Amino acid sequence: MTILGKLTNLQLAYDEQTILENVQAIIPKGARIAVIGRNGAGKTSLLEAIAANDSSIQWMGRLPQIMYMQQEIKGISQAGTTIASRKLKSQWHVPQNHIKLSGVEKMKLRLADAFAALAELLLLDEPTNHLDAASVGLLIEQMNAYEGTVLFVSHDRYFIDETATHVWELEARQLRIYEGNYSASRQEKEHRRLTQQRKYDRQQAKVAMVENQIAELQSWSGKAHAESTKKDGYKEYYRMKAKKKEVQIRSKRKRLEAELEEGKIEKPYKEPEIFFEIRGNEKKGKRVLELNNISKRLGDRTLFSDVSFTVQHGERIRLVGPNGSGKTTLFDMINGRTEYEGKVWKTSGMQIGFLSQDVFDLPENRTSAELFGRENFAEEGEARTLMNHLGFGKTHWQQPVQQLSMGERVKLKMMEFMLSGCDVLLLDEPTNHLDLPSREQLEKTLQSFPGTLLIATHDRYFMEKLADKLLVFEEGRLLKYEGNYRDWTTKDERKETPDLLQLETELQAVLGKLSFLNPGDEEYRKLDEQFNELMKRIRAAKTTDE
C-alpha cells in the first residue's frame, strides 16, 4: 500500500468545544474514503483541516495538489474551461449559460470543475446533494475512474457502497477506520461492538468479584478490630489478624488497579438513539387514492397526460423520475395546491401528512411550544417527551422555527405526523437533511407504519428498504409499476416492454372503478370481464418475454 499522507494527533475544536481529539489515520494513495458521522461530529471541519494543510498532517514527499469542493458556496465557480470540464458538463447536461441554474445544475457544474482539476487529492463535501438517480450514477462512474485519491463526506449510503474503499466514522470525538464500503463497515462495527462488549462484561465481572472479596476482607478486618478491644488475653491476636486482613485488602486492590491501568476496557460507545413512532389511524377502506384521466401542464410543457391509477391502503410507493419530471407537482395535486385536468379521488376522513422537500411550510416565527403546546398537562408532556426522543434539547421548546437547522425542521414535521395520527404520508426527499443515524431510525419507523406511503427520494439505499412499488415519471408519462426499483432498472434485461407497463396501468384503473361498484351491477360485470382479459394479456406478455 502506497501512502499519500498521515494524520498524527489531529485536534479540532469549534467554539472552544473539542469535536475531534488525538486523530490518527493513514491516507492510502488512490483510496476512496467516505467520511460519515452525525451532524456536528466534525466531518466538514476534518476536510477543511486537510485542505488547509493542518500541521498535524504529514505528507509522504511534497505537498500534493488538493482540490476542495465545499458543501455550499455562494455564486458559481468561473473555472472549468478545460476540455475535461467541458466534456463532463456536456455529459451531465449542464447548460452553457451559467446565469440561471437550478440547485442540481449548480452541483453538476461544481463537480465538473472539481474533477477536471485532476488533483492528487480531491475533497468533496456532500457531492450527491440535489442529484437525481441518473446523475448519481454518472458521479459513481466518475469517482471510480478517477486516478487520484478522494475523501468525501456523504449521507448517501448507496453512493458510499458503490464507491468507497474505506470508511472513516466520527463519533465521540474519535475517528474510527473501516476497510470496505458502507455495508462492510456496519458489519465490522457491529462485530467490534460485540467483541468489546464481551471483553467489557468479563472485566466487569472480575472487578465485581474482587470488590466482593475486598468487602468480605474489610468485614473480617472490622470484626477483628472490634474483638481486639474486648478480650484482654486476645488483643494482640486479633490486632495481628486485622492487620493481616488489611494487607490482603491493599494487595488485592493494588493488583486490581494495576490490571485496570494496564488494560482497562471501556464500555462500548452507544450512539444517542432518536425515536420516531408514527401511529396511523384505523384503516378506512381498501382504496386510498385514485387518479382518473389526470393531465398536468406547466406553461408550454406537458408533465404527464391521461394518467389513471389507484393507490391501495398500506402500499409503499416510490416516485421515480429525473428532477423536474413532476414528482413534487403530483404531491401538490393530491393536496389540492395546484390546478390540473381530470379527477383526484381521496377516501373521506383520510388524514394526510405532507413533508415538503425544503420544509418551508412550518411557520418561521413560531416556537415548538406554540406549535405543539397543549392545554392538557399530560398531552403537553407527551409532546415534550417526543421532542426529547427526537434528539432536541430543552432550549428547543422555546426556539423559533427559523433558528432551527433543516434536519431539525424535518424532525418537527415528523413530530407533527406522530401527534396527528396520519393515514397517508407524502414524503418529498425526507432524508435530505438527516444524518445517517436519523435516516436509519426513520427507515425502521416507516417499516412499521401501518398506513400508506408515497415517497419521492433519490436515496436508493433508503427506498430499497421500504418501497415495493413505483410511480414512474418518464417522457411525459406517469405509470404505476408493480415492482421495486431493482426490478425496474433491470426490466430491459428481462425484456419487459412498454406494452406490459401499459397493461398493468390499465389494470390499476379497472381495479379502481370496480371498487366503486356492487358485484350485482351490470357495469361491474363488464369491468370484471375487462379485468380478466387484462390479466390474460399480462400473463401472456410476461410468458413471451421469458
Protein backbone atom coordinates (compact mmCIF):
# COMPACT_ATOMS: atom_id res chain seq x y z
CA MET A 1 0.00 0.00 0.00
CA THR A 2 1.40 3.37 -1.05
CA ILE A 3 0.71 6.11 1.50
CA LEU A 4 -0.19 9.63 0.40
CA GLY A 5 -0.22 11.14 3.89
CA LYS A 6 -0.78 10.62 7.62
CA LEU A 7 -2.84 12.37 10.28
CA THR A 8 -0.98 12.44 13.59
CA ASN A 9 -2.62 13.66 16.81
CA LEU A 10 -5.06 15.88 14.94
CA GLN A 11 -7.17 18.04 17.28
CA LEU A 12 -10.21 20.00 16.15
CA ALA A 13 -12.36 22.38 18.18
CA TYR A 14 -15.34 24.60 17.42
CA ASP A 15 -16.48 27.46 19.68
CA GLU A 16 -13.99 26.26 22.33
CA GLN A 17 -15.59 22.79 22.27
CA THR A 18 -13.45 19.81 21.25
CA ILE A 19 -15.03 17.88 18.39
CA LEU A 20 -12.08 15.62 17.46
CA GLU A 21 -9.04 14.65 19.50
CA ASN A 22 -5.92 12.55 19.01
CA VAL A 23 -6.90 11.53 15.46
CA GLN A 24 -4.50 9.02 13.89
CA ALA A 25 -5.07 7.90 10.30
CA ILE A 26 -3.32 6.92 7.08
CA ILE A 27 -4.49 8.21 3.69
CA PRO A 28 -3.71 5.45 1.17
CA LYS A 29 -2.87 6.67 -2.30
CA GLY A 30 -5.76 6.08 -4.71
CA ALA A 31 -8.26 5.38 -1.91
CA ARG A 32 -11.90 6.45 -1.88
CA ILE A 33 -12.53 7.40 1.75
CA ALA A 34 -16.08 8.13 2.89
CA VAL A 35 -16.30 10.33 5.98
CA ILE A 36 -19.51 9.70 7.92
CA GLY A 37 -20.99 10.69 11.27
CA ARG A 38 -23.69 12.66 12.97
CA ASN A 39 -24.40 16.28 12.14
CA GLY A 40 -21.90 18.34 14.12
CA ALA A 41 -19.44 15.44 14.52
CA GLY A 42 -16.74 17.36 12.62
CA LYS A 43 -16.88 15.92 9.09
CA THR A 44 -16.64 19.25 7.26
CA SER A 45 -14.08 20.50 9.79
CA LEU A 46 -11.91 17.47 9.04
CA LEU A 47 -11.99 18.19 5.30
CA GLU A 48 -11.21 21.86 5.95
CA ALA A 49 -8.21 20.91 8.12
CA ILE A 50 -6.82 18.67 5.37
CA ALA A 51 -7.48 21.31 2.71
CA ALA A 52 -5.64 23.89 4.85
CA ASN A 53 -2.68 21.52 5.31
CA ASP A 54 -3.02 21.34 9.11
CA SER A 55 0.28 20.99 10.96
CA SER A 56 -0.73 17.52 12.19
CA ILE A 57 -0.71 16.19 8.60
CA GLN A 58 2.47 14.57 7.31
CA TRP A 59 2.70 14.12 3.53
CA MET A 60 4.88 11.42 2.04
CA GLY A 61 7.03 13.69 -0.11
CA ARG A 62 5.90 17.05 -1.45
CA LEU A 63 2.53 18.65 -0.66
CA PRO A 64 0.02 17.10 -3.10
CA GLN A 65 -2.24 19.23 -5.26
CA ILE A 66 -5.54 19.45 -3.36
CA MET A 67 -8.99 20.34 -4.77
CA TYR A 68 -11.69 21.04 -2.17
CA MET A 69 -15.35 21.23 -3.21
CA GLN A 70 -17.29 22.67 -0.28
CA GLN A 71 -20.85 21.68 0.52
CA GLU A 72 -22.45 25.04 -0.24
CA ILE A 73 -20.92 28.15 -1.76
CA LYS A 74 -22.29 31.50 -2.89
CA GLY A 75 -22.10 32.19 -6.58
CA ILE A 76 -20.78 29.93 -9.32
CA SER A 77 -17.24 28.82 -10.00
CA GLN A 78 -15.77 30.53 -13.07
CA ALA A 79 -13.20 27.76 -13.53
CA GLY A 80 -13.67 24.73 -15.69
CA THR A 81 -12.63 25.95 -19.14
CA THR A 82 -10.59 22.80 -19.79
CA ILE A 83 -11.57 20.15 -22.29
CA ALA A 84 -12.16 17.68 -19.43
CA SER A 85 -14.50 20.10 -17.67
CA ARG A 86 -16.47 20.85 -20.87
CA LYS A 87 -16.79 17.14 -21.54
CA LEU A 88 -18.19 16.47 -18.05
CA LYS A 89 -20.62 19.38 -18.28
CA SER A 90 -21.89 18.03 -21.58
CA GLN A 91 -22.16 14.52 -20.16
CA TRP A 92 -24.08 15.81 -17.15
CA HIS A 93 -26.26 18.15 -19.25
CA VAL A 94 -25.14 21.38 -17.59
CA PRO A 95 -26.43 24.43 -19.54
CA GLN A 96 -23.77 26.59 -21.16
CA ASN A 97 -25.43 29.69 -19.70
CA HIS A 98 -24.43 29.68 -16.03
CA ILE A 99 -26.51 32.69 -15.01
CA LYS A 100 -29.74 30.90 -14.09
CA LEU A 101 -29.03 27.41 -12.85
CA SER A 102 -31.10 25.13 -10.65
CA GLY A 103 -29.63 23.59 -7.49
CA VAL A 104 -28.87 20.33 -9.30
CA GLU A 105 -27.26 22.16 -12.25
CA LYS A 106 -25.05 24.16 -9.88
CA MET A 107 -23.94 20.95 -8.20
CA LYS A 108 -23.12 19.33 -11.55
CA LEU A 109 -21.13 22.41 -12.60
CA ARG A 110 -19.12 22.38 -9.40
CA LEU A 111 -18.47 18.63 -9.68
CA ALA A 112 -17.31 19.03 -13.29
CA ASP A 113 -14.85 21.75 -12.24
CA ALA A 114 -13.63 19.68 -9.27
CA PHE A 115 -12.94 16.52 -11.29
CA ALA A 116 -11.46 18.48 -14.20
CA ALA A 117 -8.77 19.88 -11.89
CA LEU A 118 -7.20 16.37 -11.84
CA ALA A 119 -5.91 16.97 -8.31
CA GLU A 120 -3.89 14.32 -6.49
CA LEU A 121 -6.26 14.69 -3.53
CA LEU A 122 -9.92 15.55 -4.13
CA LEU A 123 -12.08 16.60 -1.16
CA LEU A 124 -15.85 16.52 -1.75
CA ASP A 125 -18.44 17.65 0.80
CA GLU A 126 -21.86 16.06 0.12
CA PRO A 127 -21.33 15.58 -3.65
CA THR A 128 -24.70 13.85 -4.20
CA ASN A 129 -26.81 16.73 -2.82
CA HIS A 130 -29.66 17.62 -5.24
CA LEU A 131 -28.64 14.92 -7.75
CA ASP A 132 -31.21 12.56 -9.27
CA ALA A 133 -30.56 8.83 -9.73
CA ALA A 134 -29.11 9.19 -13.24
CA SER A 135 -26.69 11.93 -12.12
CA VAL A 136 -25.61 9.88 -9.10
CA GLY A 137 -24.90 7.00 -11.49
CA LEU A 138 -22.66 9.23 -13.60
CA LEU A 139 -20.91 10.51 -10.48
CA ILE A 140 -20.26 6.92 -9.35
CA GLU A 141 -18.65 6.17 -12.72
CA GLN A 142 -16.53 9.33 -12.49
CA MET A 143 -15.45 8.58 -8.92
CA ASN A 144 -14.43 5.02 -9.70
CA ALA A 145 -12.48 6.10 -12.80
CA TYR A 146 -10.65 8.95 -11.04
CA GLU A 147 -6.90 8.40 -10.79
CA GLY A 148 -6.32 10.49 -7.67
CA THR A 149 -7.27 10.00 -4.03
CA VAL A 150 -10.73 11.09 -2.86
CA LEU A 151 -12.05 11.94 0.61
CA PHE A 152 -15.76 12.66 0.59
CA VAL A 153 -18.44 13.43 3.15
CA SER A 154 -21.77 11.81 2.37
CA HIS A 155 -25.03 10.59 3.93
CA ASP A 156 -25.88 8.63 0.76
CA ARG A 157 -25.29 5.00 1.73
CA TYR A 158 -25.88 3.61 -1.76
CA PHE A 159 -23.29 6.03 -3.15
CA ILE A 160 -20.80 5.05 -0.43
CA ASP A 161 -21.42 1.36 -1.10
CA GLU A 162 -20.69 1.84 -4.79
CA THR A 163 -17.52 3.93 -4.40
CA ALA A 164 -15.78 3.70 -1.00
CA THR A 165 -12.68 1.63 -0.31
CA HIS A 166 -12.53 2.91 3.29
CA VAL A 167 -14.97 4.46 5.75
CA TRP A 168 -13.91 6.98 8.39
CA GLU A 169 -16.58 7.36 11.05
CA LEU A 170 -16.51 10.25 13.50
CA GLU A 171 -18.15 9.53 16.84
CA ALA A 172 -17.50 10.50 20.45
CA ARG A 173 -14.65 12.82 19.30
CA GLN A 174 -12.79 9.85 17.84
CA LEU A 175 -12.05 8.67 14.28
CA ARG A 176 -12.82 5.00 13.67
CA ILE A 177 -11.48 3.46 10.48
CA TYR A 178 -13.04 0.62 8.48
CA GLU A 179 -11.90 -1.03 5.26
CA GLY A 180 -14.53 -1.54 2.58
CA ASN A 181 -17.78 0.22 1.77
CA TYR A 182 -20.67 1.31 3.99
CA SER A 183 -22.32 -2.11 4.33
CA ALA A 184 -18.99 -3.73 5.17
CA SER A 185 -18.25 -1.02 7.74
CA ARG A 186 -21.58 -1.62 9.50
CA GLN A 187 -20.87 -5.35 9.77
CA GLU A 188 -17.38 -4.70 11.08
CA LYS A 189 -18.66 -2.05 13.51
CA GLU A 190 -21.21 -4.44 14.97
CA HIS A 191 -18.55 -7.17 15.24
CA ARG A 192 -16.21 -4.77 17.06
CA ARG A 193 -19.03 -3.65 19.37
CA LEU A 194 -19.98 -7.21 20.32
CA THR A 195 -16.33 -8.19 20.87
CA GLN A 196 -15.70 -5.16 23.07
CA GLN A 197 -18.96 -5.74 24.96
CA ARG A 198 -17.94 -9.33 25.78
CA LYS A 199 -14.48 -8.21 26.96
CA TYR A 200 -16.02 -5.37 28.96
CA ASP A 201 -18.54 -7.72 30.60
CA ARG A 202 -15.80 -10.21 31.53
CA GLN A 203 -13.67 -7.46 33.04
CA GLN A 204 -16.60 -6.00 34.95
CA ALA A 205 -17.44 -9.47 36.32
CA LYS A 206 -13.86 -9.82 37.54
CA VAL A 207 -13.94 -6.33 39.09
CA ALA A 208 -17.19 -7.23 40.87
CA MET A 209 -15.67 -10.50 42.16
CA VAL A 210 -12.56 -8.74 43.52
CA GLU A 211 -14.67 -5.98 45.08
CA ASN A 212 -16.77 -8.64 46.82
CA GLN A 213 -13.61 -10.32 48.13
CA ILE A 214 -12.34 -6.96 49.38
CA ALA A 215 -15.71 -6.28 51.02
CA GLU A 216 -15.51 -9.64 52.85
CA LEU A 217 -11.95 -8.96 53.97
CA GLN A 218 -12.99 -5.49 55.18
CA SER A 219 -15.83 -7.09 57.14
CA TRP A 220 -13.48 -9.62 58.74
CA SER A 221 -10.92 -6.90 59.46
CA GLY A 222 -13.62 -4.80 61.12
CA LYS A 223 -14.66 -7.71 63.33
CA ALA A 224 -11.04 -8.42 64.27
CA HIS A 225 -10.53 -4.77 65.27
CA ALA A 226 -13.69 -4.90 67.36
CA GLU A 227 -12.60 -8.15 69.11
CA SER A 228 -9.13 -6.73 69.84
CA THR A 229 -10.69 -4.07 72.06
CA LYS A 230 -12.87 -6.51 74.03
CA LYS A 231 -10.73 -9.50 75.06
CA ASP A 232 -7.69 -8.73 77.19
CA GLY A 233 -5.90 -12.01 76.52
CA TYR A 234 -6.51 -11.97 72.79
CA LYS A 235 -5.94 -8.31 71.91
CA GLU A 236 -2.63 -8.94 70.16
CA TYR A 237 -4.02 -11.97 68.30
CA TYR A 238 -6.98 -10.04 66.92
CA ARG A 239 -4.82 -6.98 66.21
CA MET A 240 -2.47 -9.12 64.08
CA LYS A 241 -5.42 -10.78 62.40
CA ALA A 242 -6.90 -7.34 61.48
CA LYS A 243 -3.52 -6.16 60.17
CA LYS A 244 -3.19 -9.31 58.02
CA LYS A 245 -6.62 -8.70 56.51
CA GLU A 246 -5.68 -5.07 55.76
CA VAL A 247 -2.54 -6.21 53.95
CA GLN A 248 -4.63 -8.61 51.87
CA ILE A 249 -7.11 -5.80 51.06
CA ARG A 250 -4.33 -3.43 49.93
CA SER A 251 -2.72 -6.18 47.88
CA LYS A 252 -5.94 -7.11 46.08
CA ARG A 253 -6.85 -3.51 45.43
CA LYS A 254 -3.35 -2.72 44.15
CA ARG A 255 -3.42 -5.70 41.77
CA LEU A 256 -6.88 -4.70 40.50
CA GLU A 257 -5.85 -1.07 39.95
CA ALA A 258 -2.67 -2.17 38.15
CA GLU A 259 -4.65 -4.51 35.89
CA LEU A 260 -7.19 -1.81 35.03
CA GLU A 261 -4.45 0.75 34.42
CA GLU A 262 -2.63 -1.61 32.08
CA GLY A 263 -5.66 -2.75 30.08
CA LYS A 264 -8.91 -1.14 31.14
CA ILE A 265 -11.67 -1.96 28.67
CA GLU A 266 -14.05 0.92 28.07
CA LYS A 267 -17.75 0.31 27.80
CA PRO A 268 -18.72 0.27 24.09
CA TYR A 269 -19.90 3.65 22.86
CA LYS A 270 -23.63 3.75 22.31
CA GLU A 271 -24.97 6.35 19.91
CA PRO A 272 -27.78 8.52 21.26
CA GLU A 273 -30.96 7.00 19.86
CA ILE A 274 -33.59 9.00 18.04
CA PHE A 275 -37.10 7.60 18.30
CA PHE A 276 -39.70 8.10 15.58
CA GLU A 277 -43.07 6.47 16.11
CA ILE A 278 -45.92 7.31 13.76
CA ARG A 279 -49.23 5.78 14.75
CA GLY A 280 -51.58 5.51 11.79
CA ASN A 281 -55.34 5.72 12.24
CA GLU A 282 -57.70 2.79 11.75
CA LYS A 283 -57.98 1.53 8.17
CA LYS A 284 -60.85 3.37 6.46
CA GLY A 285 -61.12 1.27 3.30
CA LYS A 286 -59.13 -0.62 0.71
CA ARG A 287 -58.73 2.31 -1.69
CA VAL A 288 -56.89 5.39 -0.51
CA LEU A 289 -56.33 7.45 -3.67
CA GLU A 290 -57.46 7.25 -7.26
CA LEU A 291 -56.41 9.39 -10.23
CA ASN A 292 -58.69 9.36 -13.28
CA ASN A 293 -57.54 10.81 -16.63
CA ILE A 294 -55.20 13.29 -14.99
CA SER A 295 -53.14 15.70 -17.11
CA LYS A 296 -50.82 18.43 -15.92
CA ARG A 297 -49.07 21.17 -17.85
CA LEU A 298 -46.54 23.76 -16.74
CA GLY A 299 -46.63 26.56 -19.27
CA ASP A 300 -45.97 25.01 -22.69
CA ARG A 301 -44.66 21.80 -21.20
CA THR A 302 -46.76 18.70 -20.50
CA LEU A 303 -45.57 16.86 -17.40
CA PHE A 304 -47.93 13.92 -17.98
CA SER A 305 -51.31 13.28 -19.58
CA ASP A 306 -54.27 10.84 -19.33
CA VAL A 307 -52.94 9.29 -16.12
CA SER A 308 -55.12 6.82 -14.22
CA PHE A 309 -54.13 4.61 -11.31
CA THR A 310 -55.25 3.56 -7.84
CA VAL A 311 -53.36 3.54 -4.54
CA GLN A 312 -54.46 0.90 -2.06
CA HIS A 313 -54.23 1.06 1.71
CA GLY A 314 -50.83 0.03 3.03
CA GLU A 315 -48.98 0.34 -0.28
CA ARG A 316 -45.44 1.69 -0.19
CA ILE A 317 -44.71 3.52 -3.39
CA ARG A 318 -41.60 5.34 -4.56
CA LEU A 319 -41.89 8.18 -7.08
CA VAL A 320 -39.15 7.72 -9.67
CA GLY A 321 -38.07 10.25 -12.27
CA PRO A 322 -35.48 12.92 -13.03
CA ASN A 323 -35.58 16.32 -11.35
CA GLY A 324 -38.38 18.43 -12.83
CA SER A 325 -40.44 15.46 -14.04
CA GLY A 326 -43.39 16.28 -11.78
CA LYS A 327 -42.96 14.36 -8.52
CA THR A 328 -43.48 17.36 -6.24
CA THR A 329 -46.27 18.58 -8.54
CA LEU A 330 -48.12 15.29 -8.03
CA PHE A 331 -47.95 15.80 -4.27
CA ASP A 332 -49.33 19.32 -4.74
CA MET A 333 -52.20 17.90 -6.83
CA ILE A 334 -53.11 15.37 -4.13
CA ASN A 335 -53.02 18.15 -1.54
CA GLY A 336 -55.14 20.48 -3.70
CA ARG A 337 -52.35 23.05 -4.06
CA THR A 338 -52.28 23.24 -7.86
CA GLU A 339 -54.73 23.01 -10.75
CA TYR A 340 -54.92 20.05 -13.15
CA GLU A 341 -57.21 18.30 -15.61
CA GLY A 342 -59.07 15.17 -14.55
CA LYS A 343 -60.11 13.94 -11.13
CA VAL A 344 -58.26 13.02 -7.94
CA TRP A 345 -60.41 10.96 -5.57
CA LYS A 346 -59.48 10.57 -1.89
CA THR A 347 -61.26 8.43 0.68
CA SER A 348 -63.31 10.52 3.10
CA GLY A 349 -61.91 11.30 6.53
CA MET A 350 -58.37 10.45 5.48
CA GLN A 351 -55.57 12.26 7.33
CA ILE A 352 -52.66 13.12 5.00
CA GLY A 353 -49.24 14.15 6.26
CA PHE A 354 -47.08 16.05 3.77
CA LEU A 355 -43.36 16.64 4.21
CA SER A 356 -42.16 19.22 1.67
CA GLN A 357 -38.67 18.97 0.23
CA ASP A 358 -37.38 22.14 1.88
CA VAL A 359 -39.63 22.03 4.96
CA PHE A 360 -40.61 25.67 4.38
CA ASP A 361 -44.26 25.12 5.32
CA LEU A 362 -43.55 25.43 9.05
CA PRO A 363 -44.35 28.89 10.47
CA GLU A 364 -40.95 30.54 10.79
CA ASN A 365 -41.71 32.81 13.75
CA ARG A 366 -43.47 30.25 15.93
CA THR A 367 -41.79 28.12 18.57
CA SER A 368 -42.26 24.42 19.26
CA ALA A 369 -44.14 25.40 22.41
CA GLU A 370 -46.61 27.39 20.28
CA LEU A 371 -46.92 24.63 17.67
CA PHE A 372 -47.26 21.65 19.97
CA GLY A 373 -48.16 23.08 23.35
CA ARG A 374 -51.38 21.60 24.76
CA GLU A 375 -53.92 22.81 27.30
CA ASN A 376 -53.83 19.42 28.96
CA PHE A 377 -50.69 18.91 31.05
CA ALA A 378 -50.43 15.22 30.12
CA GLU A 379 -50.68 15.93 26.38
CA GLU A 380 -48.06 18.65 26.58
CA GLY A 381 -45.85 16.22 28.47
CA GLU A 382 -46.23 13.76 25.59
CA ALA A 383 -45.21 16.42 23.09
CA ARG A 384 -42.12 17.40 25.09
CA THR A 385 -41.16 13.75 25.55
CA LEU A 386 -41.40 13.28 21.79
CA MET A 387 -39.03 16.22 21.30
CA ASN A 388 -36.55 14.60 23.68
CA HIS A 389 -36.81 11.30 21.75
CA LEU A 390 -36.10 13.17 18.52
CA GLY A 391 -32.83 14.50 19.91
CA PHE A 392 -33.96 18.03 20.85
CA GLY A 393 -32.76 19.75 23.99
CA LYS A 394 -34.80 21.76 26.49
CA THR A 395 -33.91 25.08 24.82
CA HIS A 396 -35.54 23.98 21.53
CA TRP A 397 -39.01 24.14 23.11
CA GLN A 398 -38.90 27.95 23.10
CA GLN A 399 -36.78 28.37 19.95
CA PRO A 400 -38.40 29.81 16.78
CA VAL A 401 -38.50 27.52 13.74
CA GLN A 402 -36.35 29.99 11.77
CA GLN A 403 -33.45 29.29 14.14
CA LEU A 404 -33.57 25.53 13.58
CA SER A 405 -31.45 23.58 11.11
CA MET A 406 -33.13 21.89 8.15
CA GLY A 407 -32.62 18.50 9.79
CA GLU A 408 -34.35 19.74 12.95
CA ARG A 409 -37.24 21.05 10.85
CA VAL A 410 -37.69 17.61 9.27
CA LYS A 411 -37.90 16.12 12.76
CA LEU A 412 -40.51 18.70 13.76
CA LYS A 413 -42.65 17.69 10.76
CA MET A 414 -42.32 14.04 11.76
CA MET A 415 -43.42 15.07 15.23
CA GLU A 416 -46.49 16.72 13.71
CA PHE A 417 -47.35 13.44 11.97
CA MET A 418 -46.86 11.49 15.20
CA LEU A 419 -49.27 13.66 17.15
CA SER A 420 -51.96 13.80 14.44
CA GLY A 421 -52.10 10.08 13.58
CA CYS A 422 -51.86 10.19 9.79
CA ASP A 423 -53.28 7.56 7.40
CA VAL A 424 -51.12 8.57 4.41
CA LEU A 425 -47.66 10.12 4.32
CA LEU A 426 -46.45 12.06 1.29
CA LEU A 427 -42.71 12.49 1.80
CA ASP A 428 -40.71 14.66 -0.59
CA GLU A 429 -36.99 13.89 -0.13
CA PRO A 430 -37.40 13.05 3.59
CA THR A 431 -33.72 12.15 4.14
CA ASN A 432 -32.26 15.29 2.54
CA HIS A 433 -31.27 16.95 5.80
CA LEU A 434 -30.94 13.93 8.12
CA ASP A 435 -27.65 12.45 9.29
CA LEU A 436 -27.06 8.70 8.97
CA PRO A 437 -28.36 7.62 12.42
CA SER A 438 -31.56 9.64 11.85
CA ARG A 439 -32.02 8.11 8.39
CA GLU A 440 -31.65 4.61 9.77
CA GLN A 441 -34.13 5.28 12.57
CA LEU A 442 -36.60 6.80 10.11
CA GLU A 443 -36.33 3.64 7.99
CA LYS A 444 -37.27 1.49 10.98
CA THR A 445 -40.19 3.78 11.76
CA LEU A 446 -41.62 3.76 8.26
CA GLN A 447 -41.23 -0.01 8.05
CA SER A 448 -43.64 -0.31 10.99
CA PHE A 449 -46.00 2.50 9.86
CA PRO A 450 -49.42 0.84 9.25
CA GLY A 451 -50.63 3.41 6.69
CA THR A 452 -49.81 4.26 3.08
CA LEU A 453 -46.53 5.77 1.90
CA LEU A 454 -45.76 7.78 -1.23
CA ILE A 455 -42.12 8.84 -1.16
CA ALA A 456 -40.04 10.87 -3.61
CA THR A 457 -36.36 10.34 -2.88
CA HIS A 458 -33.01 9.93 -4.57
CA ASP A 459 -31.77 7.92 -1.57
CA ARG A 460 -31.69 4.48 -3.20
CA TYR A 461 -30.47 2.69 -0.08
CA PHE A 462 -33.39 4.18 1.86
CA MET A 463 -36.01 3.16 -0.70
CA GLU A 464 -34.73 -0.36 -1.27
CA LYS A 465 -35.57 -0.95 2.40
CA LEU A 466 -39.12 0.42 2.03
CA ALA A 467 -40.78 0.63 -1.39
CA ASP A 468 -42.09 -2.38 -3.29
CA LYS A 469 -43.98 -0.41 -5.97
CA LEU A 470 -43.19 2.59 -8.13
CA LEU A 471 -44.79 5.58 -9.79
CA VAL A 472 -42.52 6.17 -12.80
CA PHE A 473 -42.32 9.62 -14.43
CA GLU A 474 -40.90 9.06 -17.89
CA GLU A 475 -41.14 11.04 -21.14
CA GLY A 476 -44.47 12.70 -20.39
CA ARG A 477 -46.00 9.55 -18.95
CA LEU A 478 -46.80 8.51 -15.41
CA LEU A 479 -47.09 4.76 -14.87
CA LYS A 480 -47.67 2.69 -11.79
CA TYR A 481 -45.21 -0.20 -11.73
CA GLU A 482 -45.94 -3.30 -9.65
CA GLY A 483 -42.34 -3.94 -8.63
CA ASN A 484 -39.41 -2.36 -6.82
CA TYR A 485 -36.66 -0.14 -8.20
CA ARG A 486 -34.27 -3.01 -8.82
CA ASP A 487 -36.96 -4.72 -10.92
CA TRP A 488 -37.47 -1.51 -12.87
CA THR A 489 -33.79 -0.93 -13.61
CA THR A 490 -33.38 -4.50 -14.88
CA LYS A 491 -36.59 -4.58 -16.93
CA ASP A 492 -34.67 -4.31 -20.20
CA GLU A 493 -32.68 -7.40 -19.35
CA ARG A 494 -35.97 -9.20 -18.75
CA LYS A 495 -37.41 -7.66 -21.95
CA GLU A 496 -40.27 -6.04 -20.08
CA THR A 497 -41.99 -3.96 -22.76
CA PRO A 498 -43.82 -0.64 -22.53
CA ASP A 499 -46.95 -2.56 -23.64
CA LEU A 500 -46.75 -4.63 -20.46
CA LEU A 501 -46.42 -1.48 -18.36
CA GLN A 502 -49.46 -0.01 -20.10
CA LEU A 503 -51.48 -3.18 -19.46
CA GLU A 504 -50.60 -3.06 -15.76
CA THR A 505 -51.59 0.62 -15.64
CA GLU A 506 -54.96 -0.19 -17.28
CA LEU A 507 -55.44 -2.97 -14.76
CA GLN A 508 -54.98 -0.49 -11.91
CA ALA A 509 -57.61 1.81 -13.44
CA VAL A 510 -60.11 -1.05 -13.75
CA LEU A 511 -59.50 -2.07 -10.13
CA GLY A 512 -60.23 1.48 -9.04
CA LYS A 513 -63.55 1.57 -10.91
CA LEU A 514 -64.57 -1.85 -9.57
CA SER A 515 -64.12 -0.64 -6.01
CA PHE A 516 -66.92 1.90 -6.58
CA LEU A 517 -69.50 -0.72 -7.72
CA ASN A 518 -71.50 -3.57 -6.25
CA PRO A 519 -70.95 -7.09 -7.68
CA GLY A 520 -74.56 -7.26 -8.94
CA ASP A 521 -74.28 -4.16 -11.15
CA GLU A 522 -74.14 -4.54 -14.94
CA GLU A 523 -71.20 -2.16 -15.12
CA TYR A 524 -69.39 -4.30 -12.53
CA ARG A 525 -69.85 -7.38 -14.77
CA LYS A 526 -68.37 -5.60 -17.78
CA LEU A 527 -65.40 -4.30 -15.79
CA ASP A 528 -64.85 -7.73 -14.28
CA GLU A 529 -64.64 -9.21 -17.78
CA GLN A 530 -62.21 -6.44 -18.75
CA PHE A 531 -60.13 -7.21 -15.65
CA ASN A 532 -59.93 -10.93 -16.54
CA GLU A 533 -59.00 -10.10 -20.14
CA LEU A 534 -56.24 -7.75 -18.99
CA MET A 535 -54.88 -10.42 -16.64
CA LYS A 536 -54.71 -12.91 -19.55
CA ARG A 537 -52.86 -10.40 -21.70
CA ILE A 538 -50.43 -9.57 -18.89
CA ARG A 539 -49.69 -13.25 -18.26
CA ALA A 540 -49.23 -13.82 -21.97
CA ALA A 541 -46.89 -10.81 -22.27
CA LYS A 542 -44.77 -12.00 -19.34
CA THR A 543 -44.61 -15.55 -20.76
CA THR A 544 -43.49 -14.19 -24.14
CA ASP A 545 -40.81 -12.03 -22.51
CA GLU A 546 -39.42 -15.01 -20.62
